[in-house]
Amino acid sequence: MQSATAKFNRNSLILTLKRYSSAVGDMEQTVLLPSLLRDVPSDEVWDCEAAEETCRDLYGNYLMLKAIRNTVESSLVPLDDLKAKNKLDKTLESLLDTNPEALFHFHLRGLFSVMSELTKKTRILTEKYLDIIGVAN
């Protein structure tokens, strides 16, 4: 009998989203005191403008990664994102008329890339927390 994840292609979108959700779950189980991440600078530069500059330290990154996971799992898009989407939809209408399949593949590749990068960043944050508390990986 196949496992639940084996029935999906190794690079399927569902599996990619499950990997991210699992990495955030592991992060939450490991990071028992998120406040220890406050004022600990991140080694990586993230685009903080979109996150209203809340991801300057590891604590902000922690909160952002959890919020993204909640959005992925609940499929509920924040109201601000809906307003931005409406503006974007108007600009994408002309592209959809030209080649919707190409546009779909473009966005799918982007989603795979973003989710893989977020999974990586989640694991890095978990490792840094373990370093902060002095636990060997």
N, C-alpha and C. Protein backbone atom coordinates (compact mmCIF):
# COMPACT_ATOMS: atom_id res chain seq x y z
N MET A 1 0.84 -1.18 0.00
CA MET A 1 0.00 0.00 0.00
C MET A 1 0.88 1.25 0.00
N GLN A 2 0.52 2.22 -0.79
CA GLN A 2 1.31 3.44 -0.90
C GLN A 2 1.01 4.37 0.27
N SER A 3 2.04 5.10 0.67
CA SER A 3 1.82 6.12 1.70
C SER A 3 1.05 7.28 1.08
N ALA A 4 0.53 8.16 1.94
CA ALA A 4 -0.28 9.29 1.46
C ALA A 4 0.53 10.20 0.55
N THR A 5 1.82 10.41 0.86
CA THR A 5 2.63 11.30 0.04
C THR A 5 3.17 10.62 -1.20
N ALA A 6 3.26 9.30 -1.20
CA ALA A 6 3.81 8.60 -2.35
C ALA A 6 2.89 8.68 -3.56
N LYS A 7 1.59 8.85 -3.34
CA LYS A 7 0.68 8.91 -4.47
C LYS A 7 0.79 10.21 -5.25
N PHE A 8 1.41 11.23 -4.66
CA PHE A 8 1.62 12.49 -5.36
C PHE A 8 2.98 12.48 -6.01
N ASN A 9 3.09 13.14 -7.13
CA ASN A 9 4.38 13.31 -7.79
C ASN A 9 5.31 14.03 -6.82
N ARG A 10 6.55 13.70 -6.86
CA ARG A 10 7.55 14.28 -5.96
C ARG A 10 7.53 15.81 -6.00
N ASN A 11 7.20 16.38 -7.11
CA ASN A 11 7.18 17.83 -7.25
C ASN A 11 5.77 18.40 -7.35
N SER A 12 4.79 17.68 -6.83
CA SER A 12 3.42 18.18 -6.94
C SER A 12 3.23 19.38 -6.01
N LEU A 13 2.28 20.19 -6.36
CA LEU A 13 1.97 21.38 -5.57
C LEU A 13 1.49 20.99 -4.18
N ILE A 14 0.65 19.97 -4.10
CA ILE A 14 0.13 19.53 -2.80
C ILE A 14 1.27 19.08 -1.90
N LEU A 15 2.20 18.32 -2.43
CA LEU A 15 3.33 17.85 -1.64
C LEU A 15 4.23 19.01 -1.22
N THR A 16 4.43 19.96 -2.10
CA THR A 16 5.23 21.14 -1.78
C THR A 16 4.60 21.92 -0.63
N LEU A 17 3.29 22.10 -0.68
CA LEU A 17 2.59 22.81 0.39
C LEU A 17 2.62 22.02 1.70
N LYS A 18 2.53 20.69 1.60
CA LYS A 18 2.62 19.85 2.81
C LYS A 18 4.01 19.94 3.43
N ARG A 19 5.04 19.97 2.59
CA ARG A 19 6.41 20.11 3.11
C ARG A 19 6.56 21.41 3.90
N TYR A 20 6.01 22.49 3.35
CA TYR A 20 6.09 23.78 4.02
C TYR A 20 5.32 23.74 5.34
N SER A 21 4.12 23.23 5.31
CA SER A 21 3.31 23.15 6.52
C SER A 21 4.00 22.30 7.58
N SER A 22 4.60 21.21 7.16
CA SER A 22 5.32 20.34 8.08
C SER A 22 6.54 21.05 8.68
N ALA A 23 7.27 21.79 7.85
CA ALA A 23 8.44 22.52 8.34
C ALA A 23 8.04 23.58 9.37
N VAL A 24 6.91 24.26 9.12
CA VAL A 24 6.43 25.26 10.08
C VAL A 24 5.95 24.57 11.36
N GLY A 25 5.31 23.42 11.23
CA GLY A 25 4.90 22.65 12.42
C GLY A 25 6.10 22.24 13.25
N ASP A 26 7.16 21.77 12.59
CA ASP A 26 8.39 21.43 13.30
C ASP A 26 9.00 22.65 13.97
N MET A 27 8.96 23.78 13.27
CA MET A 27 9.49 25.03 13.83
C MET A 27 8.71 25.39 15.11
N GLU A 28 7.38 25.30 15.04
CA GLU A 28 6.56 25.65 16.21
C GLU A 28 6.83 24.72 17.38
N GLN A 29 7.05 23.44 17.10
CA GLN A 29 7.34 22.49 18.17
C GLN A 29 8.73 22.71 18.77
N THR A 30 9.66 23.16 17.97
CA THR A 30 11.02 23.39 18.42
C THR A 30 11.16 24.72 19.14
N VAL A 31 10.57 25.77 18.59
CA VAL A 31 10.70 27.12 19.14
C VAL A 31 9.68 27.27 20.27
N LEU A 32 10.11 26.91 21.47
CA LEU A 32 9.22 26.97 22.63
C LEU A 32 9.11 28.38 23.19
N LEU A 33 10.14 29.18 23.01
CA LEU A 33 10.14 30.56 23.49
C LEU A 33 10.45 31.49 22.31
N PRO A 34 9.45 31.80 21.50
CA PRO A 34 9.69 32.65 20.33
C PRO A 34 10.30 34.00 20.69
N SER A 35 10.05 34.47 21.90
CA SER A 35 10.59 35.77 22.30
C SER A 35 12.12 35.79 22.30
N LEU A 36 12.75 34.62 22.37
CA LEU A 36 14.22 34.57 22.28
C LEU A 36 14.72 35.01 20.90
N LEU A 37 13.84 35.02 19.94
CA LEU A 37 14.21 35.41 18.58
C LEU A 37 14.14 36.92 18.37
N ARG A 38 13.58 37.64 19.34
CA ARG A 38 13.48 39.10 19.22
C ARG A 38 14.88 39.72 19.15
N ASP A 39 15.01 40.69 18.28
CA ASP A 39 16.25 41.44 18.11
C ASP A 39 17.43 40.60 17.65
N VAL A 40 17.19 39.36 17.23
CA VAL A 40 18.25 38.55 16.63
C VAL A 40 18.16 38.80 15.13
N PRO A 41 19.19 39.47 14.58
CA PRO A 41 19.11 39.80 13.15
C PRO A 41 19.16 38.55 12.28
N SER A 42 18.45 38.63 11.19
CA SER A 42 18.47 37.55 10.22
C SER A 42 19.68 37.72 9.33
N ASP A 43 20.36 36.62 9.02
CA ASP A 43 21.52 36.69 8.12
C ASP A 43 21.10 36.96 6.70
N GLU A 44 19.87 36.57 6.37
CA GLU A 44 19.38 36.74 5.01
C GLU A 44 18.54 38.00 4.92
N VAL A 45 18.63 38.66 3.79
CA VAL A 45 17.82 39.84 3.55
C VAL A 45 16.54 39.38 2.85
N TRP A 46 15.41 39.62 3.51
CA TRP A 46 14.11 39.28 2.95
C TRP A 46 13.45 40.56 2.51
N ASP A 47 12.51 40.45 1.63
CA ASP A 47 11.77 41.62 1.18
C ASP A 47 10.79 42.02 2.28
N CYS A 48 11.21 42.92 3.13
CA CYS A 48 10.41 43.30 4.29
C CYS A 48 9.37 44.36 3.97
N GLU A 49 9.45 44.96 2.80
CA GLU A 49 8.45 45.98 2.45
C GLU A 49 7.06 45.37 2.40
N ALA A 50 6.96 44.18 1.86
CA ALA A 50 5.65 43.52 1.77
C ALA A 50 5.13 43.13 3.14
N ALA A 51 6.02 42.87 4.06
CA ALA A 51 5.62 42.48 5.40
C ALA A 51 5.65 43.66 6.36
N GLU A 52 5.59 44.85 5.81
CA GLU A 52 5.58 46.09 6.60
C GLU A 52 6.79 46.16 7.55
N GLU A 53 7.91 45.69 7.06
CA GLU A 53 9.18 45.74 7.77
C GLU A 53 9.14 45.04 9.12
N THR A 54 8.28 44.02 9.27
CA THR A 54 8.22 43.29 10.53
C THR A 54 9.20 42.13 10.56
N CYS A 55 9.86 41.86 9.45
CA CYS A 55 10.74 40.69 9.41
C CYS A 55 12.21 41.08 9.49
N ARG A 56 12.50 42.14 10.20
CA ARG A 56 13.89 42.56 10.37
C ARG A 56 14.65 41.62 11.31
N ASP A 57 13.95 41.00 12.23
CA ASP A 57 14.61 40.06 13.14
C ASP A 57 13.97 38.67 12.98
N LEU A 58 14.56 37.68 13.65
CA LEU A 58 14.07 36.31 13.51
C LEU A 58 12.66 36.15 14.07
N TYR A 59 12.30 36.96 15.06
CA TYR A 59 10.95 36.89 15.62
C TYR A 59 9.92 37.30 14.56
N GLY A 60 10.19 38.37 13.85
CA GLY A 60 9.30 38.79 12.76
C GLY A 60 9.21 37.73 11.68
N ASN A 61 10.34 37.10 11.36
CA ASN A 61 10.34 36.02 10.38
C ASN A 61 9.47 34.86 10.86
N TYR A 62 9.61 34.52 12.13
CA TYR A 62 8.83 33.44 12.75
C TYR A 62 7.33 33.71 12.58
N LEU A 63 6.92 34.92 12.93
CA LEU A 63 5.51 35.28 12.82
C LEU A 63 5.03 35.25 11.37
N MET A 64 5.86 35.74 10.45
CA MET A 64 5.50 35.77 9.05
C MET A 64 5.34 34.35 8.50
N LEU A 65 6.27 33.45 8.83
CA LEU A 65 6.20 32.08 8.34
C LEU A 65 4.95 31.37 8.86
N LYS A 66 4.59 31.62 10.12
CA LYS A 66 3.37 31.04 10.67
C LYS A 66 2.13 31.61 9.97
N ALA A 67 2.12 32.90 9.73
CA ALA A 67 0.97 33.54 9.08
C ALA A 67 0.77 33.00 7.67
N ILE A 68 1.85 32.80 6.95
CA ILE A 68 1.75 32.26 5.60
C ILE A 68 1.20 30.84 5.65
N ARG A 69 1.68 30.05 6.60
CA ARG A 69 1.17 28.68 6.73
C ARG A 69 -0.32 28.68 7.04
N ASN A 70 -0.76 29.58 7.91
CA ASN A 70 -2.18 29.66 8.23
C ASN A 70 -3.00 30.03 7.00
N THR A 71 -2.48 30.92 6.17
CA THR A 71 -3.18 31.30 4.94
C THR A 71 -3.23 30.12 3.98
N VAL A 72 -2.13 29.39 3.85
CA VAL A 72 -2.08 28.23 2.96
C VAL A 72 -3.08 27.17 3.41
N GLU A 73 -3.13 26.91 4.72
CA GLU A 73 -4.00 25.85 5.22
C GLU A 73 -5.47 26.25 5.24
N SER A 74 -5.76 27.51 5.48
CA SER A 74 -7.15 27.94 5.59
C SER A 74 -7.73 28.41 4.27
N SER A 75 -6.87 28.74 3.33
CA SER A 75 -7.27 29.30 2.03
C SER A 75 -8.00 30.63 2.17
N LEU A 76 -7.85 31.28 3.30
CA LEU A 76 -8.46 32.59 3.52
C LEU A 76 -7.42 33.66 3.25
N VAL A 77 -7.71 34.52 2.30
CA VAL A 77 -6.79 35.58 1.92
C VAL A 77 -7.16 36.83 2.73
N PRO A 78 -6.18 37.48 3.39
CA PRO A 78 -6.47 38.70 4.14
C PRO A 78 -7.11 39.76 3.24
N LEU A 79 -7.94 40.61 3.82
CA LEU A 79 -8.69 41.62 3.08
C LEU A 79 -7.77 42.54 2.28
N ASP A 80 -6.64 42.95 2.85
CA ASP A 80 -5.70 43.81 2.13
C ASP A 80 -5.21 43.14 0.86
N ASP A 81 -4.97 41.82 0.93
CA ASP A 81 -4.51 41.09 -0.25
C ASP A 81 -5.59 41.04 -1.33
N LEU A 82 -6.86 40.99 -0.90
CA LEU A 82 -7.95 40.98 -1.88
C LEU A 82 -8.02 42.29 -2.65
N LYS A 83 -7.78 43.40 -1.95
CA LYS A 83 -7.78 44.70 -2.62
C LYS A 83 -6.66 44.78 -3.64
N ALA A 84 -5.47 44.29 -3.25
CA ALA A 84 -4.34 44.29 -4.17
C ALA A 84 -4.61 43.36 -5.35
N LYS A 85 -5.27 42.23 -5.08
CA LYS A 85 -5.58 41.27 -6.14
C LYS A 85 -6.53 41.89 -7.16
N ASN A 86 -7.49 42.67 -6.71
CA ASN A 86 -8.43 43.30 -7.64
C ASN A 86 -7.70 44.22 -8.61
N LYS A 87 -6.72 44.97 -8.11
CA LYS A 87 -5.92 45.83 -8.99
C LYS A 87 -5.12 44.99 -9.97
N LEU A 88 -4.53 43.91 -9.46
CA LEU A 88 -3.72 43.03 -10.30
C LEU A 88 -4.57 42.34 -11.36
N ASP A 89 -5.77 41.93 -10.98
CA ASP A 89 -6.66 41.25 -11.93
C ASP A 89 -6.93 42.11 -13.15
N LYS A 90 -7.09 43.41 -12.94
CA LYS A 90 -7.37 44.30 -14.07
C LYS A 90 -6.20 44.35 -15.04
N THR A 91 -4.97 44.28 -14.50
CA THR A 91 -3.80 44.32 -15.38
C THR A 91 -3.55 42.96 -16.03
N LEU A 92 -3.99 41.87 -15.37
CA LEU A 92 -3.77 40.54 -15.92
C LEU A 92 -4.81 40.13 -16.95
N GLU A 93 -5.93 40.84 -17.00
CA GLU A 93 -6.99 40.47 -17.95
C GLU A 93 -6.48 40.41 -19.38
N SER A 94 -5.67 41.36 -19.77
CA SER A 94 -5.16 41.35 -21.15
C SER A 94 -4.21 40.17 -21.37
N LEU A 95 -3.46 39.78 -20.34
CA LEU A 95 -2.57 38.63 -20.47
C LEU A 95 -3.36 37.33 -20.58
N LEU A 96 -4.45 37.23 -19.83
CA LEU A 96 -5.25 36.01 -19.89
C LEU A 96 -5.86 35.81 -21.26
N ASP A 97 -6.18 36.91 -21.93
CA ASP A 97 -6.74 36.79 -23.27
C ASP A 97 -5.71 36.25 -24.26
N THR A 98 -4.44 36.51 -24.00
CA THR A 98 -3.42 36.08 -24.95
C THR A 98 -3.07 34.60 -24.79
N ASN A 99 -2.66 34.17 -23.60
CA ASN A 99 -2.28 32.78 -23.41
C ASN A 99 -2.45 32.37 -21.94
N PRO A 100 -3.62 31.92 -21.55
CA PRO A 100 -3.86 31.57 -20.14
C PRO A 100 -3.02 30.38 -19.67
N GLU A 101 -2.71 29.46 -20.56
CA GLU A 101 -1.90 28.31 -20.15
C GLU A 101 -0.48 28.74 -19.79
N ALA A 102 0.09 29.61 -20.58
CA ALA A 102 1.44 30.11 -20.29
C ALA A 102 1.45 30.89 -18.98
N LEU A 103 0.42 31.69 -18.77
CA LEU A 103 0.32 32.46 -17.53
C LEU A 103 0.19 31.52 -16.32
N PHE A 104 -0.60 30.47 -16.47
CA PHE A 104 -0.75 29.47 -15.41
C PHE A 104 0.59 28.83 -15.07
N HIS A 105 1.33 28.40 -16.09
CA HIS A 105 2.62 27.75 -15.86
C HIS A 105 3.63 28.73 -15.22
N PHE A 106 3.58 29.97 -15.64
CA PHE A 106 4.45 30.98 -15.04
C PHE A 106 4.18 31.11 -13.54
N HIS A 107 2.91 31.23 -13.18
CA HIS A 107 2.56 31.38 -11.76
C HIS A 107 2.81 30.10 -10.97
N LEU A 108 2.59 28.97 -11.57
CA LEU A 108 2.84 27.70 -10.89
C LEU A 108 4.32 27.53 -10.57
N ARG A 109 5.18 27.86 -11.55
CA ARG A 109 6.63 27.79 -11.29
C ARG A 109 7.01 28.76 -10.17
N GLY A 110 6.41 29.95 -10.20
CA GLY A 110 6.68 30.93 -9.14
C GLY A 110 6.24 30.43 -7.78
N LEU A 111 5.07 29.80 -7.71
CA LEU A 111 4.57 29.28 -6.44
C LEU A 111 5.47 28.18 -5.91
N PHE A 112 5.89 27.26 -6.79
CA PHE A 112 6.83 26.22 -6.37
C PHE A 112 8.11 26.84 -5.80
N SER A 113 8.62 27.82 -6.50
CA SER A 113 9.86 28.47 -6.09
C SER A 113 9.71 29.15 -4.72
N VAL A 114 8.62 29.90 -4.56
CA VAL A 114 8.39 30.61 -3.30
C VAL A 114 8.19 29.64 -2.14
N MET A 115 7.39 28.60 -2.35
CA MET A 115 7.13 27.66 -1.26
C MET A 115 8.39 26.89 -0.88
N SER A 116 9.20 26.53 -1.86
CA SER A 116 10.46 25.84 -1.56
C SER A 116 11.39 26.76 -0.77
N GLU A 117 11.45 28.02 -1.16
CA GLU A 117 12.31 28.98 -0.46
C GLU A 117 11.81 29.22 0.97
N LEU A 118 10.50 29.33 1.15
CA LEU A 118 9.94 29.52 2.49
C LEU A 118 10.20 28.30 3.38
N THR A 119 10.12 27.11 2.81
CA THR A 119 10.42 25.89 3.56
C THR A 119 11.87 25.91 4.02
N LYS A 120 12.76 26.29 3.13
CA LYS A 120 14.19 26.39 3.46
C LYS A 120 14.41 27.41 4.58
N LYS A 121 13.78 28.57 4.47
CA LYS A 121 13.94 29.61 5.48
C LYS A 121 13.37 29.17 6.83
N THR A 122 12.30 28.40 6.81
CA THR A 122 11.71 27.88 8.04
C THR A 122 12.69 26.95 8.73
N ARG A 123 13.32 26.09 7.97
CA ARG A 123 14.29 25.14 8.55
C ARG A 123 15.52 25.88 9.08
N ILE A 124 15.96 26.91 8.37
CA ILE A 124 17.10 27.70 8.83
C ILE A 124 16.77 28.40 10.14
N LEU A 125 15.57 28.98 10.24
CA LEU A 125 15.16 29.64 11.47
C LEU A 125 15.13 28.66 12.63
N THR A 126 14.63 27.46 12.40
CA THR A 126 14.59 26.43 13.44
C THR A 126 16.00 26.09 13.90
N GLU A 127 16.92 25.94 12.96
CA GLU A 127 18.32 25.64 13.30
C GLU A 127 18.94 26.78 14.10
N LYS A 128 18.66 28.02 13.73
CA LYS A 128 19.21 29.17 14.46
C LYS A 128 18.68 29.21 15.89
N TYR A 129 17.41 28.88 16.06
CA TYR A 129 16.84 28.84 17.41
C TYR A 129 17.57 27.80 18.25
N LEU A 130 17.83 26.64 17.66
CA LEU A 130 18.55 25.60 18.38
C LEU A 130 19.95 26.06 18.75
N ASP A 131 20.59 26.84 17.87
CA ASP A 131 21.90 27.41 18.18
C ASP A 131 21.80 28.40 19.34
N ILE A 132 20.74 29.22 19.33
CA ILE A 132 20.56 30.22 20.38
C ILE A 132 20.42 29.56 21.75
N ILE A 133 19.66 28.47 21.82
CA ILE A 133 19.45 27.82 23.12
C ILE A 133 20.55 26.82 23.44
N GLY A 134 21.50 26.64 22.51
CA GLY A 134 22.66 25.78 22.78
C GLY A 134 22.43 24.30 22.60
N VAL A 135 21.50 23.94 21.76
CA VAL A 135 21.25 22.53 21.46
C VAL A 135 21.92 22.20 20.13
N ALA A 136 22.70 21.11 20.13
CA ALA A 136 23.38 20.70 18.90
C ALA A 136 22.38 20.09 17.95
N ASN A 137 22.54 20.38 16.68
CA ASN A 137 21.62 19.83 15.65
C ASN A 137 21.91 18.39 15.42
